[in-house]
Amino acid sequence: MLFIGDIAKQTGLSVSTLRYYEKMGLLSPVCRTKGNVRQYDDKALERLNMLECLKNTGMLLKDIRRFFAWCDEGDSTLCKRYQMLLERKAQTQRQISLLQKELANIDFKCEYYRLAMQYGSVDAPQVRKLQKKRACDEQCAAQ
């Protein structure tokens, strides 16, 4: 059994966040000592890890709560959970694709400004050449 401080250290979550999750019903009620200190088992830690995974992909807490409610209902909700995770996976893949595109734009701008600093101006021939190459690459990709 782990105490709330131990769980906070292992997950990187604050103690207040853990208490909030419990209050919001995202965690199953945890065991408490005679002194009313929370104790977490491996199952609670596993649930917290899944909660953070879903939250990091942009899933809303209300949807995460629904997912865990289905988990608590047992095998009769396997299909619902599977479908929800498939949808989350597809959404996450779309987010990754968009972020990869934006990262390419940032990479270009980093190179653009590096060259501009190296040659002292955004109007330097080397910088303009990079801009033209980028425009050509984008035009070719659009075709």
Protein backbone atom coordinates (compact mmCIF):
# COMPACT_ATOMS: atom_id res chain seq x y z
CA MET A 1 0.00 0.00 0.00
CA LEU A 2 1.16 3.49 -0.87
CA PHE A 3 0.29 6.75 0.78
CA ILE A 4 -0.86 9.84 -1.12
CA GLY A 5 2.61 11.41 -1.00
CA ASP A 6 4.14 8.26 -2.49
CA ILE A 7 1.57 8.24 -5.29
CA ALA A 8 2.17 11.94 -5.93
CA LYS A 9 5.92 11.29 -6.31
CA GLN A 10 5.41 8.26 -8.57
CA THR A 11 2.90 9.96 -10.87
CA GLY A 12 4.17 13.54 -10.77
CA LEU A 13 0.69 14.66 -9.73
CA SER A 14 0.16 16.97 -6.79
CA VAL A 15 -1.54 15.76 -3.64
CA SER A 16 -4.34 18.26 -4.27
CA THR A 17 -4.86 16.85 -7.78
CA LEU A 18 -5.12 13.34 -6.38
CA ARG A 19 -7.70 14.51 -3.85
CA TYR A 20 -9.59 16.33 -6.62
CA TYR A 21 -9.66 13.20 -8.79
CA GLU A 22 -11.03 11.21 -5.87
CA LYS A 23 -13.65 13.88 -5.13
CA MET A 24 -14.73 13.97 -8.80
CA GLY A 25 -15.21 10.20 -8.83
CA LEU A 26 -12.31 9.53 -11.18
CA LEU A 27 -10.71 7.26 -8.63
CA SER A 28 -12.44 4.49 -6.79
CA PRO A 29 -12.76 5.22 -3.09
CA VAL A 30 -9.41 4.49 -1.51
CA CYS A 31 -8.75 2.66 1.72
CA ARG A 32 -7.89 4.74 4.74
CA THR A 33 -5.90 4.04 7.85
CA LYS A 34 -7.37 4.43 11.33
CA GLY A 35 -5.91 7.93 11.21
CA ASN A 36 -7.91 8.64 8.02
CA VAL A 37 -4.79 8.64 5.82
CA ARG A 38 -5.39 7.55 2.22
CA GLN A 39 -3.78 4.30 1.10
CA TYR A 40 -3.50 3.36 -2.57
CA ASP A 41 -2.97 -0.07 -4.06
CA ASP A 42 -1.51 -1.06 -7.43
CA LYS A 43 -4.96 -0.96 -9.02
CA ALA A 44 -5.37 2.71 -8.02
CA LEU A 45 -1.94 3.49 -9.46
CA GLU A 46 -2.85 1.72 -12.71
CA ARG A 47 -6.08 3.72 -12.90
CA LEU A 48 -4.20 6.98 -12.29
CA ASN A 49 -1.77 6.15 -15.08
CA MET A 50 -4.67 5.51 -17.47
CA LEU A 51 -6.38 8.70 -16.33
CA GLU A 52 -3.26 10.72 -17.09
CA CYS A 53 -2.84 8.97 -20.44
CA LEU A 54 -6.38 9.85 -21.50
CA LYS A 55 -6.09 13.38 -20.13
CA ASN A 56 -2.78 13.92 -21.98
CA THR A 57 -4.49 13.02 -25.25
CA GLY A 58 -7.08 15.73 -24.65
CA MET A 59 -9.94 13.63 -23.33
CA LEU A 60 -12.28 15.61 -21.12
CA LEU A 61 -12.58 14.62 -17.46
CA LYS A 62 -16.31 13.94 -17.90
CA ASP A 63 -15.48 11.41 -20.63
CA ILE A 64 -12.72 9.88 -18.52
CA ARG A 65 -15.22 9.54 -15.68
CA ARG A 66 -17.61 7.75 -18.06
CA PHE A 67 -14.82 5.42 -19.20
CA PHE A 68 -14.01 4.48 -15.61
CA ALA A 69 -17.68 4.06 -14.75
CA TRP A 70 -17.85 1.55 -17.59
CA CYS A 71 -14.74 -0.16 -16.23
CA ASP A 72 -16.45 -0.43 -12.85
CA GLU A 73 -19.55 -1.94 -14.49
CA GLY A 74 -17.54 -4.91 -15.70
CA ASP A 75 -17.44 -6.96 -18.87
CA SER A 76 -20.84 -5.83 -20.11
CA THR A 77 -19.21 -2.54 -21.17
CA LEU A 78 -16.17 -3.95 -22.97
CA CYS A 79 -17.50 -2.87 -26.38
CA LYS A 80 -18.20 0.69 -25.18
CA ARG A 81 -14.71 1.00 -23.72
CA TYR A 82 -13.11 -0.41 -26.84
CA GLN A 83 -15.02 2.00 -29.09
CA MET A 84 -14.15 4.95 -26.87
CA LEU A 85 -10.45 4.06 -27.00
CA LEU A 86 -10.57 3.57 -30.77
CA GLU A 87 -12.05 7.06 -31.11
CA ARG A 88 -9.42 8.48 -28.75
CA LYS A 89 -6.69 6.74 -30.75
CA ALA A 90 -7.96 8.21 -34.02
CA GLN A 91 -8.19 11.68 -32.49
CA THR A 92 -4.69 11.37 -31.06
CA GLN A 93 -3.34 10.30 -34.45
CA ARG A 94 -4.95 13.39 -36.03
CA GLN A 95 -3.38 15.58 -33.35
CA ILE A 96 0.03 14.01 -33.93
CA SER A 97 -0.28 14.55 -37.69
CA LEU A 98 -1.18 18.19 -37.19
CA LEU A 99 1.64 18.68 -34.70
CA GLN A 100 4.14 17.08 -37.10
CA LYS A 101 3.06 19.56 -39.77
CA GLU A 102 3.41 22.47 -37.36
CA LEU A 103 6.79 21.19 -36.22
CA ALA A 104 7.95 21.22 -39.85
CA ASN A 105 6.83 24.85 -40.07
CA ILE A 106 8.74 25.71 -36.91
CA ASP A 107 11.82 23.86 -38.19
CA PHE A 108 11.68 25.93 -41.37
CA LYS A 109 11.39 29.18 -39.43
CA CYS A 110 14.30 28.20 -37.17
CA GLU A 111 16.47 27.60 -40.23
CA TYR A 112 15.17 30.81 -41.82
CA TYR A 113 16.15 32.90 -38.80
CA ARG A 114 19.44 31.08 -38.31
CA LEU A 115 20.43 31.95 -41.87
CA ALA A 116 19.13 35.51 -41.51
CA MET A 117 21.27 35.97 -38.40
CA GLN A 118 24.29 34.33 -40.08
CA TYR A 119 24.06 36.61 -43.13
CA GLY A 120 22.77 39.66 -41.28
CA SER A 121 19.41 40.10 -43.00
CA VAL A 122 16.22 38.37 -44.06
CA ASP A 123 16.95 39.85 -47.48
CA ALA A 124 20.25 37.96 -47.86
CA PRO A 125 20.36 35.79 -51.02
CA GLN A 126 20.81 32.61 -48.97
CA VAL A 127 17.66 33.39 -46.97
CA ARG A 128 15.66 34.22 -50.08
CA LYS A 129 16.87 30.97 -51.66
CA LEU A 130 15.55 29.06 -48.65
CA GLN A 131 12.19 30.85 -48.95
CA LYS A 132 11.94 29.99 -52.64
CA LYS A 133 12.81 26.35 -51.97
CA ARG A 134 10.11 26.21 -49.27
CA ALA A 135 7.53 27.73 -51.62
CA CYS A 136 8.48 25.23 -54.34
CA ASP A 137 8.31 22.30 -51.88
CA GLU A 138 4.85 23.39 -50.70
CA GLN A 139 3.63 23.78 -54.29
CA CYS A 140 4.92 20.33 -55.23
CA ALA A 141 3.33 18.78 -52.14
CA ALA A 142 -0.02 20.36 -52.99
CA GLN A 143 -0.07 18.71 -56.41
